[in-house]
């Protein structure tokens, strides 16, 4: 069974790039456009990791993470922020909310896949 990753980004191009990268590495991908959309897609899913942008319409990435941490089932879900932001204040807030990693766009696919495997305990494909 493939490990499922939730990708949350309002950019269709980023979502598509992440889907291609993660599926090539053996992951299954669920896409969401906003934080609110992502919360709905988590219900009844077996998501093992979320990869999320910070700046999105409706609900920001930090607000999404804050909402996740309030739900018992999702309190420990690993979350990687993948964003163009490098503001130390935002990074500190993400750490306070127990974000698992912070990667800046444009991203190196290998680095992202390695982080996803490490955080989900998913071995490399053979």
PDB file of N, CA and C in Angstrom:
ATOM      1  N   UNK A   1       0.839  -1.185   0.000  1.00  0.00           N
ATOM      2  CA  UNK A   1       0.000   0.000   0.000  1.00  0.00           C
ATOM      3  C   UNK A   1       0.886   1.251   0.000  1.00  0.00           C
ATOM      4  N   UNK A   2       0.542   2.195  -0.833  1.00  0.00           N
ATOM      5  CA  UNK A   2       1.337   3.419  -0.943  1.00  0.00           C
ATOM      6  C   UNK A   2       1.046   4.364   0.221  1.00  0.00           C
ATOM      7  N   UNK A   3       2.062   5.116   0.615  1.00  0.00           N
ATOM      8  CA  UNK A   3       1.923   6.150   1.628  1.00  0.00           C
ATOM      9  C   UNK A   3       1.274   7.363   0.983  1.00  0.00           C
ATOM     10  N   UNK A   4       0.259   7.920   1.661  1.00  0.00           N
ATOM     11  CA  UNK A   4      -0.493   9.043   1.085  1.00  0.00           C
ATOM     12  C   UNK A   4      -0.005  10.378   1.629  1.00  0.00           C
ATOM     13  N   UNK A   5       0.202  11.316   0.712  1.00  0.00           N
ATOM     14  CA  UNK A   5       0.638  12.670   1.039  1.00  0.00           C
ATOM     15  C   UNK A   5      -0.453  13.642   0.597  1.00  0.00           C
ATOM     16  N   UNK A   6      -0.803  14.565   1.473  1.00  0.00           N
ATOM     17  CA  UNK A   6      -1.730  15.643   1.145  1.00  0.00           C
ATOM     18  C   UNK A   6      -0.921  16.857   0.720  1.00  0.00           C
ATOM     19  N   UNK A   7      -1.152  17.341  -0.490  1.00  0.00           N
ATOM     20  CA  UNK A   7      -0.465  18.519  -1.024  1.00  0.00           C
ATOM     21  C   UNK A   7      -1.453  19.681  -0.988  1.00  0.00           C
ATOM     22  N   UNK A   8      -1.073  20.762  -0.305  1.00  0.00           N
ATOM     23  CA  UNK A   8      -1.959  21.916  -0.143  1.00  0.00           C
ATOM     24  C   UNK A   8      -1.273  23.156  -0.714  1.00  0.00           C
ATOM     25  N   UNK A   9      -1.758  23.605  -1.858  1.00  0.00           N
ATOM     26  CA  UNK A   9      -1.179  24.794  -2.502  1.00  0.00           C
ATOM     27  C   UNK A   9      -2.206  25.355  -3.470  1.00  0.00           C
ATOM     28  N   UNK A  10      -2.357  26.675  -3.499  1.00  0.00           N
ATOM     29  CA  UNK A  10      -3.332  27.277  -4.403  1.00  0.00           C
ATOM     30  C   UNK A  10      -2.846  27.324  -5.850  1.00  0.00           C
ATOM     31  N   UNK A  11      -1.582  27.029  -6.088  1.00  0.00           N
ATOM     32  CA  UNK A  11      -1.037  27.023  -7.447  1.00  0.00           C
ATOM     33  C   UNK A  11      -1.177  25.633  -8.068  1.00  0.00           C
ATOM     34  N   UNK A  12      -1.922  25.564  -9.158  1.00  0.00           N
ATOM     35  CA  UNK A  12      -2.082  24.280  -9.847  1.00  0.00           C
ATOM     36  C   UNK A  12      -0.739  23.770 -10.372  1.00  0.00           C
ATOM     37  N   UNK A  13       0.140  24.679 -10.786  1.00  0.00           N
ATOM     38  CA  UNK A  13       1.446  24.263 -11.297  1.00  0.00           C
ATOM     39  C   UNK A  13       2.291  23.614 -10.208  1.00  0.00           C
ATOM     40  N   UNK A  14       2.276  24.179  -9.016  1.00  0.00           N
ATOM     41  CA  UNK A  14       3.024  23.591  -7.894  1.00  0.00           C
ATOM     42  C   UNK A  14       2.416  22.246  -7.520  1.00  0.00           C
ATOM     43  N   UNK A  15       1.084  22.185  -7.435  1.00  0.00           N
ATOM     44  CA  UNK A  15       0.436  20.907  -7.100  1.00  0.00           C
ATOM     45  C   UNK A  15       0.796  19.831  -8.124  1.00  0.00           C
ATOM     46  N   UNK A  16       0.761  20.198  -9.396  1.00  0.00           N
ATOM     47  CA  UNK A  16       1.095  19.236 -10.450  1.00  0.00           C
ATOM     48  C   UNK A  16       2.549  18.769 -10.329  1.00  0.00           C
ATOM     49  N   UNK A  17       3.451  19.712 -10.096  1.00  0.00           N
ATOM     50  CA  UNK A  17       4.877  19.369  -9.949  1.00  0.00           C
ATOM     51  C   UNK A  17       5.087  18.448  -8.739  1.00  0.00           C
ATOM     52  N   UNK A  18       4.418  18.763  -7.638  1.00  0.00           N
ATOM     53  CA  UNK A  18       4.529  17.920  -6.443  1.00  0.00           C
ATOM     54  C   UNK A  18       3.939  16.529  -6.696  1.00  0.00           C
ATOM     55  N   UNK A  19       2.796  16.471  -7.369  1.00  0.00           N
ATOM     56  CA  UNK A  19       2.177  15.174  -7.678  1.00  0.00           C
ATOM     57  C   UNK A  19       3.133  14.312  -8.504  1.00  0.00           C
ATOM     58  N   UNK A  20       3.688  14.882  -9.563  1.00  0.00           N
ATOM     59  CA  UNK A  20       4.606  14.134 -10.433  1.00  0.00           C
ATOM     60  C   UNK A  20       5.814  13.654  -9.636  1.00  0.00           C
ATOM     61  N   UNK A  21       6.395  14.535  -8.835  1.00  0.00           N
ATOM     62  CA  UNK A  21       7.582  14.202  -8.036  1.00  0.00           C
ATOM     63  C   UNK A  21       7.281  13.099  -7.029  1.00  0.00           C
ATOM     64  N   UNK A  22       6.191  13.257  -6.292  1.00  0.00           N
ATOM     65  CA  UNK A  22       5.871  12.299  -5.235  1.00  0.00           C
ATOM     66  C   UNK A  22       5.395  10.959  -5.795  1.00  0.00           C
ATOM     67  N   UNK A  23       4.588  10.978  -6.837  1.00  0.00           N
ATOM     68  CA  UNK A  23       4.127   9.719  -7.422  1.00  0.00           C
ATOM     69  C   UNK A  23       5.288   8.947  -8.045  1.00  0.00           C
ATOM     70  N   UNK A  24       6.245   9.646  -8.643  1.00  0.00           N
ATOM     71  CA  UNK A  24       7.426   8.980  -9.203  1.00  0.00           C
ATOM     72  C   UNK A  24       8.246   8.309  -8.095  1.00  0.00           C
ATOM     73  N   UNK A  25       8.142   8.839  -6.877  1.00  0.00           N
ATOM     74  CA  UNK A  25       8.860   8.275  -5.732  1.00  0.00           C
ATOM     75  C   UNK A  25       8.036   7.203  -5.006  1.00  0.00           C
ATOM     76  N   UNK A  26       6.827   6.904  -5.523  1.00  0.00           N
ATOM     77  CA  UNK A  26       6.032   5.831  -4.959  1.00  0.00           C
ATOM     78  C   UNK A  26       4.945   6.240  -3.984  1.00  0.00           C
ATOM     79  N   UNK A  27       4.726   7.533  -3.803  1.00  0.00           N
ATOM     80  CA  UNK A  27       3.679   8.019  -2.903  1.00  0.00           C
ATOM     81  C   UNK A  27       2.355   8.148  -3.653  1.00  0.00           C
ATOM     82  N   UNK A  28       1.283   8.133  -2.907  1.00  0.00           N
ATOM     83  CA  UNK A  28      -0.046   8.473  -3.410  1.00  0.00           C
ATOM     84  C   UNK A  28      -0.302   9.920  -2.998  1.00  0.00           C
ATOM     85  N   UNK A  29      -0.991  10.697  -3.824  1.00  0.00           N
ATOM     86  CA  UNK A  29      -1.164  12.131  -3.559  1.00  0.00           C
ATOM     87  C   UNK A  29      -2.641  12.513  -3.583  1.00  0.00           C
ATOM     88  N   UNK A  30      -3.022  13.296  -2.572  1.00  0.00           N
ATOM     89  CA  UNK A  30      -4.321  13.964  -2.533  1.00  0.00           C
ATOM     90  C   UNK A  30      -4.026  15.454  -2.619  1.00  0.00           C
ATOM     91  N   UNK A  31      -4.755  16.181  -3.462  1.00  0.00           N
ATOM     92  CA  UNK A  31      -4.521  17.612  -3.623  1.00  0.00           C
ATOM     93  C   UNK A  31      -5.619  18.429  -2.964  1.00  0.00           C
ATOM     94  N   UNK A  32      -5.216  19.568  -2.386  1.00  0.00           N
ATOM     95  CA  UNK A  32      -6.153  20.551  -1.847  1.00  0.00           C
ATOM     96  C   UNK A  32      -5.665  21.929  -2.253  1.00  0.00           C
ATOM     97  N   UNK A  33      -6.620  22.841  -2.472  1.00  0.00           N
ATOM     98  CA  UNK A  33      -6.300  24.180  -2.968  1.00  0.00           C
ATOM     99  C   UNK A  33      -6.088  25.182  -1.834  1.00  0.00           C
ATOM    100  N   UNK A  34      -6.773  24.984  -0.715  1.00  0.00           N
ATOM    101  CA  UNK A  34      -6.666  25.884   0.438  1.00  0.00           C
ATOM    102  C   UNK A  34      -6.603  25.055   1.716  1.00  0.00           C
ATOM    103  N   UNK A  35      -6.322  25.716   2.820  1.00  0.00           N
ATOM    104  CA  UNK A  35      -6.324  25.048   4.115  1.00  0.00           C
ATOM    105  C   UNK A  35      -7.687  24.487   4.467  1.00  0.00           C
ATOM    106  N   UNK A  36      -8.727  25.217   4.148  1.00  0.00           N
ATOM    107  CA  UNK A  36     -10.102  24.749   4.423  1.00  0.00           C
ATOM    108  C   UNK A  36     -10.406  23.494   3.599  1.00  0.00           C
ATOM    109  N   UNK A  37     -10.032  23.524   2.328  1.00  0.00           N
ATOM    110  CA  UNK A  37     -10.198  22.379   1.447  1.00  0.00           C
ATOM    111  C   UNK A  37      -9.427  21.176   2.006  1.00  0.00           C
ATOM    112  N   UNK A  38      -8.231  21.420   2.492  1.00  0.00           N
ATOM    113  CA  UNK A  38      -7.388  20.354   3.040  1.00  0.00           C
ATOM    114  C   UNK A  38      -8.027  19.698   4.257  1.00  0.00           C
ATOM    115  N   UNK A  39      -8.600  20.497   5.158  1.00  0.00           N
ATOM    116  CA  UNK A  39      -9.242  19.925   6.347  1.00  0.00           C
ATOM    117  C   UNK A  39     -10.372  18.987   5.936  1.00  0.00           C
ATOM    118  N   UNK A  40     -11.119  19.353   4.914  1.00  0.00           N
ATOM    119  CA  UNK A  40     -12.192  18.500   4.431  1.00  0.00           C
ATOM    120  C   UNK A  40     -11.672  17.209   3.820  1.00  0.00           C
ATOM    121  N   UNK A  41     -10.544  17.285   3.117  1.00  0.00           N
ATOM    122  CA  UNK A  41      -9.992  16.101   2.457  1.00  0.00           C
ATOM    123  C   UNK A  41      -9.312  15.154   3.446  1.00  0.00           C
ATOM    124  N   UNK A  42      -8.967  15.648   4.614  1.00  0.00           N
ATOM    125  CA  UNK A  42      -8.362  14.778   5.626  1.00  0.00           C
ATOM    126  C   UNK A  42      -9.378  13.804   6.216  1.00  0.00           C
ATOM    127  N   UNK A  43     -10.626  14.218   6.293  1.00  0.00           N
ATOM    128  CA  UNK A  43     -11.658  13.370   6.900  1.00  0.00           C
ATOM    129  C   UNK A  43     -11.767  12.049   6.161  1.00  0.00           C
ATOM    130  N   UNK A  44     -11.595  10.966   6.906  1.00  0.00           N
ATOM    131  CA  UNK A  44     -11.722   9.632   6.352  1.00  0.00           C
ATOM    132  C   UNK A  44     -10.543   9.186   5.506  1.00  0.00           C
ATOM    133  N   UNK A  45      -9.475   9.957   5.489  1.00  0.00           N
ATOM    134  CA  UNK A  45      -8.308   9.593   4.680  1.00  0.00           C
ATOM    135  C   UNK A  45      -7.238   8.943   5.552  1.00  0.00           C
ATOM    136  N   UNK A  46      -6.246   8.383   4.898  1.00  0.00           N
ATOM    137  CA  UNK A  46      -5.117   7.781   5.610  1.00  0.00           C
ATOM    138  C   UNK A  46      -3.830   8.561   5.328  1.00  0.00           C
ATOM    139  N   UNK A  47      -3.944   9.864   5.315  1.00  0.00           N
ATOM    140  CA  UNK A  47      -2.806  10.739   5.023  1.00  0.00           C
ATOM    141  C   UNK A  47      -1.708  10.564   6.074  1.00  0.00           C
ATOM    142  N   UNK A  48      -0.472  10.408   5.598  1.00  0.00           N
ATOM    143  CA  UNK A  48       0.672  10.227   6.489  1.00  0.00           C
ATOM    144  C   UNK A  48       1.549  11.467   6.579  1.00  0.00           C
ATOM    145  N   UNK A  49       1.312  12.447   5.672  1.00  0.00           N
ATOM    146  CA  UNK A  49       2.139  13.653   5.601  1.00  0.00           C
ATOM    147  C   UNK A  49       1.367  14.723   4.848  1.00  0.00           C
ATOM    148  N   UNK A  50       1.525  15.978   5.273  1.00  0.00           N
ATOM    149  CA  UNK A  50       0.987  17.111   4.518  1.00  0.00           C
ATOM    150  C   UNK A  50       2.148  17.990   4.074  1.00  0.00           C
ATOM    151  N   UNK A  51       2.084  18.447   2.836  1.00  0.00           N
ATOM    152  CA  UNK A  51       3.038  19.422   2.302  1.00  0.00           C
ATOM    153  C   UNK A  51       2.206  20.639   1.946  1.00  0.00           C
ATOM    154  N   UNK A  52       2.538  21.783   2.556  1.00  0.00           N
ATOM    155  CA  UNK A  52       1.637  22.928   2.514  1.00  0.00           C
ATOM    156  C   UNK A  52       2.367  24.235   2.237  1.00  0.00           C
ATOM    157  N   UNK A  53       1.743  25.084   1.449  1.00  0.00           N
ATOM    158  CA  UNK A  53       2.221  26.444   1.226  1.00  0.00           C
ATOM    159  C   UNK A  53       1.812  27.309   2.420  1.00  0.00           C
ATOM    160  N   UNK A  54       2.433  28.441   2.584  1.00  0.00           N
ATOM    161  CA  UNK A  54       2.067  29.381   3.653  1.00  0.00           C
ATOM    162  C   UNK A  54       0.986  30.342   3.163  1.00  0.00           C
ATOM    163  N   UNK A  55       1.228  30.970   2.022  1.00  0.00           N
ATOM    164  CA  UNK A  55       0.324  32.003   1.512  1.00  0.00           C
ATOM    165  C   UNK A  55      -0.719  31.402   0.589  1.00  0.00           C
ATOM    166  N   UNK A  56      -1.945  31.313   1.097  1.00  0.00           N
ATOM    167  CA  UNK A  56      -3.063  30.792   0.314  1.00  0.00           C
ATOM    168  C   UNK A  56      -4.300  31.610   0.637  1.00  0.00           C
ATOM    169  N   UNK A  57      -5.232  31.664  -0.303  1.00  0.00           N
ATOM    170  CA  UNK A  57      -6.493  32.354   0.001  1.00  0.00           C
ATOM    171  C   UNK A  57      -7.300  31.540   1.005  1.00  0.00           C
ATOM    172  N   UNK A  58      -8.233  32.176   1.654  1.00  0.00           N
ATOM    173  CA  UNK A  58      -9.157  31.488   2.554  1.00  0.00           C
ATOM    174  C   UNK A  58      -8.500  31.190   3.907  1.00  0.00           C
ATOM    175  N   UNK A  59      -7.660  30.181   3.963  1.00  0.00           N
ATOM    176  CA  UNK A  59      -6.995  29.788   5.208  1.00  0.00           C
ATOM    177  C   UNK A  59      -5.510  29.647   4.909  1.00  0.00           C
ATOM    178  N   UNK A  60      -4.667  30.357   5.624  1.00  0.00           N
ATOM    179  CA  UNK A  60      -3.221  30.289   5.391  1.00  0.00           C
ATOM    180  C   UNK A  60      -2.671  28.945   5.847  1.00  0.00           C
ATOM    181  N   UNK A  61      -1.459  28.662   5.434  1.00  0.00           N
ATOM    182  CA  UNK A  61      -0.804  27.434   5.857  1.00  0.00           C
ATOM    183  C   UNK A  61      -0.637  27.349   7.365  1.00  0.00           C
ATOM    184  N   UNK A  62      -0.284  28.460   7.993  1.00  0.00           N
ATOM    185  CA  UNK A  62      -0.132  28.456   9.455  1.00  0.00           C
ATOM    186  C   UNK A  62      -1.468  28.221  10.153  1.00  0.00           C
ATOM    187  N   UNK A  63      -2.535  28.818   9.636  1.00  0.00           N
ATOM    188  CA  UNK A  63      -3.866  28.587  10.215  1.00  0.00           C
ATOM    189  C   UNK A  63      -4.290  27.135  10.025  1.00  0.00           C
ATOM    190  N   UNK A  64      -3.966  26.570   8.864  1.00  0.00           N
ATOM    191  CA  UNK A  64      -4.243  25.149   8.615  1.00  0.00           C
ATOM    192  C   UNK A  64      -3.525  24.288   9.653  1.00  0.00           C
ATOM    193  N   UNK A  65      -2.249  24.554   9.874  1.00  0.00           N
ATOM    194  CA  UNK A  65      -1.476  23.785  10.849  1.00  0.00           C
ATOM    195  C   UNK A  65      -2.043  23.946  12.253  1.00  0.00           C
ATOM    196  N   UNK A  66      -2.413  25.157  12.604  1.00  0.00           N
ATOM    197  CA  UNK A  66      -3.009  25.401  13.918  1.00  0.00           C
ATOM    198  C   UNK A  66      -4.303  24.600  14.081  1.00  0.00           C
ATOM    199  N   UNK A  67      -5.117  24.544  13.033  1.00  0.00           N
ATOM    200  CA  UNK A  67      -6.353  23.755  13.078  1.00  0.00           C
ATOM    201  C   UNK A  67      -6.052  22.265  13.214  1.00  0.00           C
ATOM    202  N   UNK A  68      -5.053  21.798  12.489  1.00  0.00           N
ATOM    203  CA  UNK A  68      -4.653  20.387  12.580  1.00  0.00           C
ATOM    204  C   UNK A  68      -4.292  20.000  14.006  1.00  0.00           C
ATOM    205  N   UNK A  69      -3.520  20.859  14.650  1.00  0.00           N
ATOM    206  CA  UNK A  69      -3.010  20.540  15.988  1.00  0.00           C
ATOM    207  C   UNK A  69      -4.118  20.499  17.045  1.00  0.00           C
ATOM    208  N   UNK A  70      -5.296  20.985  16.705  1.00  0.00           N
ATOM    209  CA  UNK A  70      -6.431  20.957  17.634  1.00  0.00           C
ATOM    210  C   UNK A  70      -7.256  19.676  17.505  1.00  0.00           C
ATOM    211  N   UNK A  71      -7.003  18.894  16.467  1.00  0.00           N
ATOM    212  CA  UNK A  71      -7.758  17.669  16.229  1.00  0.00           C
ATOM    213  C   UNK A  71      -6.900  16.476  16.669  1.00  0.00           C
ATOM    214  N   UNK A  72      -7.394  15.722  17.616  1.00  0.00           N
ATOM    215  CA  UNK A  72      -6.626  14.612  18.189  1.00  0.00           C
ATOM    216  C   UNK A  72      -6.037  13.688  17.122  1.00  0.00           C
ATOM    217  N   UNK A  73      -6.829  13.328  16.135  1.00  0.00           N
ATOM    218  CA  UNK A  73      -6.392  12.411  15.095  1.00  0.00           C
ATOM    219  C   UNK A  73      -5.226  12.958  14.270  1.00  0.00           C
ATOM    220  N   UNK A  74      -5.138  14.285  14.150  1.00  0.00           N
ATOM    221  CA  UNK A  74      -4.125  14.901  13.284  1.00  0.00           C
ATOM    222  C   UNK A  74      -3.059  15.668  14.044  1.00  0.00           C
ATOM    223  N   UNK A  75      -3.067  15.604  15.381  1.00  0.00           N
ATOM    224  CA  UNK A  75      -2.082  16.348  16.186  1.00  0.00           C
ATOM    225  C   UNK A  75      -0.646  16.047  15.809  1.00  0.00           C
ATOM    226  N   UNK A  76      -0.368  14.809  15.493  1.00  0.00           N
ATOM    227  CA  UNK A  76       1.013  14.396  15.224  1.00  0.00           C
ATOM    228  C   UNK A  76       1.331  14.266  13.736  1.00  0.00           C
ATOM    229  N   UNK A  77       0.400  14.666  12.864  1.00  0.00           N
ATOM    230  CA  UNK A  77       0.650  14.556  11.427  1.00  0.00           C
ATOM    231  C   UNK A  77       1.857  15.407  11.039  1.00  0.00           C
ATOM    232  N   UNK A  78       2.870  14.807  10.412  1.00  0.00           N
ATOM    233  CA  UNK A  78       4.005  15.615   9.953  1.00  0.00           C
ATOM    234  C   UNK A  78       3.554  16.605   8.872  1.00  0.00           C
ATOM    235  N   UNK A  79       4.057  17.827   8.965  1.00  0.00           N
ATOM    236  CA  UNK A  79       3.729  18.867   7.990  1.00  0.00           C
ATOM    237  C   UNK A  79       5.021  19.530   7.519  1.00  0.00           C
ATOM    238  N   UNK A  80       5.212  19.518   6.214  1.00  0.00           N
ATOM    239  CA  UNK A  80       6.328  20.230   5.591  1.00  0.00           C
ATOM    240  C   UNK A  80       5.761  21.489   4.962  1.00  0.00           C
ATOM    241  N   UNK A  81       6.327  22.639   5.311  1.00  0.00           N
ATOM    242  CA  UNK A  81       5.953  23.865   4.615  1.00  0.00           C
ATOM    243  C   UNK A  81       6.863  24.017   3.415  1.00  0.00           C
ATOM    244  N   UNK A  82       6.254  24.193   2.247  1.00  0.00           N
ATOM    245  CA  UNK A  82       6.965  24.428   1.002  1.00  0.00           C
ATOM    246  C   UNK A  82       6.476  25.771   0.496  1.00  0.00           C
ATOM    247  N   UNK A  83       7.332  26.775   0.598  1.00  0.00           N
ATOM    248  CA  UNK A  83       6.880  28.146   0.387  1.00  0.00           C
ATOM    249  C   UNK A  83       7.992  29.022  -0.179  1.00  0.00           C
ATOM    250  N   UNK A  84       7.613  30.142  -0.737  1.00  0.00           N
ATOM    251  CA  UNK A  84       8.593  31.140  -1.191  1.00  0.00           C
ATOM    252  C   UNK A  84       9.051  32.010  -0.032  1.00  0.00           C
ATOM    253  N   UNK A  85       8.401  31.896   1.109  1.00  0.00           N
ATOM    254  CA  UNK A  85       8.699  32.711   2.286  1.00  0.00           C
ATOM    255  C   UNK A  85       9.970  32.239   2.995  1.00  0.00           C
ATOM    256  N   UNK A  86      10.744  33.176   3.473  1.00  0.00           N
ATOM    257  CA  UNK A  86      11.919  32.862   4.285  1.00  0.00           C
ATOM    258  C   UNK A  86      11.962  33.754   5.521  1.00  0.00           C
ATOM    259  N   UNK A  87      10.833  34.327   5.883  1.00  0.00           N
ATOM    260  CA  UNK A  87      10.716  35.236   7.018  1.00  0.00           C
ATOM    261  C   UNK A  87      10.939  34.472   8.329  1.00  0.00           C
ATOM    262  N   UNK A  88      11.952  34.846   9.112  1.00  0.00           N
ATOM    263  CA  UNK A  88      12.226  34.151  10.370  1.00  0.00           C
ATOM    264  C   UNK A  88      11.045  34.136  11.343  1.00  0.00           C
ATOM    265  N   UNK A  89      10.207  35.159  11.303  1.00  0.00           N
ATOM    266  CA  UNK A  89       9.029  35.201  12.176  1.00  0.00           C
ATOM    267  C   UNK A  89       8.048  34.093  11.806  1.00  0.00           C
ATOM    268  N   UNK A  90       7.830  33.894  10.504  1.00  0.00           N
ATOM    269  CA  UNK A  90       6.939  32.829  10.048  1.00  0.00           C
ATOM    270  C   UNK A  90       7.514  31.450  10.370  1.00  0.00           C
ATOM    271  N   UNK A  91       8.810  31.310  10.176  1.00  0.00           N
ATOM    272  CA  UNK A  91       9.472  30.034  10.480  1.00  0.00           C
ATOM    273  C   UNK A  91       9.359  29.727  11.972  1.00  0.00           C
ATOM    274  N   UNK A  92       9.553  30.727  12.812  1.00  0.00           N
ATOM    275  CA  UNK A  92       9.426  30.539  14.261  1.00  0.00           C
ATOM    276  C   UNK A  92       8.006  30.138  14.644  1.00  0.00           C
ATOM    277  N   UNK A  93       7.016  30.757  14.013  1.00  0.00           N
ATOM    278  CA  UNK A  93       5.621  30.412  14.297  1.00  0.00           C
ATOM    279  C   UNK A  93       5.322  28.979  13.852  1.00  0.00           C
ATOM    280  N   UNK A  94       5.855  28.586  12.712  1.00  0.00           N
ATOM    281  CA  UNK A  94       5.670  27.216  12.235  1.00  0.00           C
ATOM    282  C   UNK A  94       6.297  26.222  13.207  1.00  0.00           C
ATOM    283  N   UNK A  95       7.470  26.530  13.712  1.00  0.00           N
ATOM    284  CA  UNK A  95       8.122  25.663  14.704  1.00  0.00           C
ATOM    285  C   UNK A  95       7.289  25.570  15.973  1.00  0.00           C
ATOM    286  N   UNK A  96       6.745  26.692  16.398  1.00  0.00           N
ATOM    287  CA  UNK A  96       5.909  26.711  17.609  1.00  0.00           C
ATOM    288  C   UNK A  96       4.696  25.797  17.442  1.00  0.00           C
ATOM    289  N   UNK A  97       4.177  25.730  16.224  1.00  0.00           N
ATOM    290  CA  UNK A  97       3.018  24.891  15.929  1.00  0.00           C
ATOM    291  C   UNK A  97       3.412  23.459  15.560  1.00  0.00           C
ATOM    292  N   UNK A  98       4.683  23.135  15.734  1.00  0.00           N
ATOM    293  CA  UNK A  98       5.211  21.780  15.497  1.00  0.00           C
ATOM    294  C   UNK A  98       5.247  21.383  14.022  1.00  0.00           C
ATOM    295  N   UNK A  99       5.623  22.322  13.153  1.00  0.00           N
ATOM    296  CA  UNK A  99       5.870  21.964  11.755  1.00  0.00           C
ATOM    297  C   UNK A  99       7.092  21.052  11.721  1.00  0.00           C
ATOM    298  N   UNK A 100       7.113  20.142  10.769  1.00  0.00           N
ATOM    299  CA  UNK A 100       8.191  19.162  10.692  1.00  0.00           C
ATOM    300  C   UNK A 100       9.389  19.653   9.892  1.00  0.00           C
ATOM    301  N   UNK A 101       9.137  20.493   8.892  1.00  0.00           N
ATOM    302  CA  UNK A 101      10.221  20.992   8.036  1.00  0.00           C
ATOM    303  C   UNK A 101       9.753  22.233   7.294  1.00  0.00           C
ATOM    304  N   UNK A 102      10.721  22.997   6.812  1.00  0.00           N
ATOM    305  CA  UNK A 102      10.468  24.230   6.054  1.00  0.00           C
ATOM    306  C   UNK A 102      11.388  24.214   4.843  1.00  0.00           C
ATOM    307  N   UNK A 103      10.812  24.124   3.648  1.00  0.00           N
ATOM    308  CA  UNK A 103      11.591  24.154   2.418  1.00  0.00           C
ATOM    309  C   UNK A 103      11.160  25.358   1.596  1.00  0.00           C
ATOM    310  N   UNK A 104      12.132  25.987   0.955  1.00  0.00           N
ATOM    311  CA  UNK A 104      11.853  27.196   0.179  1.00  0.00           C
ATOM    312  C   UNK A 104      11.768  26.841  -1.305  1.00  0.00           C
ATOM    313  N   UNK A 105      10.752  27.410  -1.977  1.00  0.00           N
ATOM    314  CA  UNK A 105      10.591  27.252  -3.427  1.00  0.00           C
ATOM    315  C   UNK A 105      11.599  28.137  -4.127  1.00  0.00           C
ATOM    316  N   UNK A 106      12.091  27.759  -5.272  1.00  0.00           N
ATOM    317  CA  UNK A 106      11.893  26.460  -5.905  1.00  0.00           C
ATOM    318  C   UNK A 106      12.606  25.365  -5.108  1.00  0.00           C
ATOM    319  N   UNK A 107      12.073  24.163  -5.150  1.00  0.00           N
ATOM    320  CA  UNK A 107      12.602  23.096  -4.315  1.00  0.00           C
ATOM    321  C   UNK A 107      13.353  22.067  -5.146  1.00  0.00           C
ATOM    322  N   UNK A 108      14.237  21.351  -4.459  1.00  0.00           N
ATOM    323  CA  UNK A 108      14.951  20.237  -5.074  1.00  0.00           C
ATOM    324  C   UNK A 108      14.108  18.985  -4.849  1.00  0.00           C
ATOM    325  N   UNK A 109      13.625  18.346  -5.906  1.00  0.00           N
ATOM    326  CA  UNK A 109      12.779  17.170  -5.739  1.00  0.00           C
ATOM    327  C   UNK A 109      13.376  16.094  -4.828  1.00  0.00           C
ATOM    328  N   UNK A 110      14.667  15.814  -4.965  1.00  0.00           N
ATOM    329  CA  UNK A 110      15.290  14.780  -4.137  1.00  0.00           C
ATOM    330  C   UNK A 110      15.228  15.149  -2.658  1.00  0.00           C
ATOM    331  N   UNK A 111      15.478  16.385  -2.354  1.00  0.00           N
ATOM    332  CA  UNK A 111      15.437  16.840  -0.959  1.00  0.00           C
ATOM    333  C   UNK A 111      14.016  16.688  -0.380  1.00  0.00           C
ATOM    334  N   UNK A 112      13.014  17.053  -1.170  1.00  0.00           N
ATOM    335  CA  UNK A 112      11.630  16.928  -0.728  1.00  0.00           C
ATOM    336  C   UNK A 112      11.260  15.456  -0.524  1.00  0.00           C
ATOM    337  N   UNK A 113      11.599  14.614  -1.483  1.00  0.00           N
ATOM    338  CA  UNK A 113      11.286  13.184  -1.378  1.00  0.00           C
ATOM    339  C   UNK A 113      12.004  12.565  -0.188  1.00  0.00           C
ATOM    340  N   UNK A 114      13.265  12.920   0.013  1.00  0.00           N
ATOM    341  CA  UNK A 114      14.012  12.402   1.168  1.00  0.00           C
ATOM    342  C   UNK A 114      13.326  12.801   2.477  1.00  0.00           C
ATOM    343  N   UNK A 115      12.877  14.049   2.570  1.00  0.00           N
ATOM    344  CA  UNK A 115      12.186  14.515   3.780  1.00  0.00           C
ATOM    345  C   UNK A 115      10.870  13.765   3.953  1.00  0.00           C
ATOM    346  N   UNK A 116      10.130  13.570   2.868  1.00  0.00           N
ATOM    347  CA  UNK A 116       8.853  12.847   2.939  1.00  0.00           C
ATOM    348  C   UNK A 116       9.081  11.408   3.400  1.00  0.00           C
ATOM    349  N   UNK A 117      10.092  10.764   2.867  1.00  0.00           N
ATOM    350  CA  UNK A 117      10.389   9.380   3.285  1.00  0.00           C
ATOM    351  C   UNK A 117      10.787   9.331   4.751  1.00  0.00           C
ATOM    352  N   UNK A 118      11.631  10.257   5.165  1.00  0.00           N
ATOM    353  CA  UNK A 118      12.090  10.277   6.557  1.00  0.00           C
ATOM    354  C   UNK A 118      10.918  10.486   7.509  1.00  0.00           C
ATOM    355  N   UNK A 119      10.034  11.437   7.197  1.00  0.00           N
ATOM    356  CA  UNK A 119       8.939  11.772   8.087  1.00  0.00           C
ATOM    357  C   UNK A 119       7.823  10.724   8.123  1.00  0.00           C
ATOM    358  N   UNK A 120       7.712   9.939   7.057  1.00  0.00           N
ATOM    359  CA  UNK A 120       6.655   8.923   7.016  1.00  0.00           C
ATOM    360  C   UNK A 120       7.194   7.514   7.265  1.00  0.00           C
ATOM    361  N   UNK A 121       8.506   7.366   7.297  1.00  0.00           N
ATOM    362  CA  UNK A 121       9.086   6.043   7.466  1.00  0.00           C
ATOM    363  C   UNK A 121       8.930   5.169   6.224  1.00  0.00           C
ATOM    364  N   UNK A 122       8.797   5.813   5.073  1.00  0.00           N
ATOM    365  CA  UNK A 122       8.607   5.106   3.816  1.00  0.00           C
ATOM    366  C   UNK A 122       9.971   4.834   3.189  1.00  0.00           C
ATOM    367  N   UNK A 123      10.276   3.569   2.924  1.00  0.00           N
ATOM    368  CA  UNK A 123      11.585   3.248   2.306  1.00  0.00           C
ATOM    369  C   UNK A 123      11.627   3.676   0.854  1.00  0.00           C
ATOM    370  N   UNK A 124      12.849   3.830   0.349  1.00  0.00           N
ATOM    371  CA  UNK A 124      13.043   4.144  -1.066  1.00  0.00           C
ATOM    372  C   UNK A 124      12.569   2.971  -1.905  1.00  0.00           C
ATOM    373  N   UNK A 125      12.082   3.279  -3.103  1.00  0.00           N
ATOM    374  CA  UNK A 125      11.652   2.218  -4.020  1.00  0.00           C
ATOM    375  C   UNK A 125      12.856   1.433  -4.494  1.00  0.00           C
ATOM    376  N   UNK A 126      12.631   0.169  -4.747  1.00  0.00           N
ATOM    377  CA  UNK A 126      13.727  -0.661  -5.274  1.00  0.00           C
ATOM    378  C   UNK A 126      13.489  -0.997  -6.721  1.00  0.00           C
TER     379      UNK A 126
END
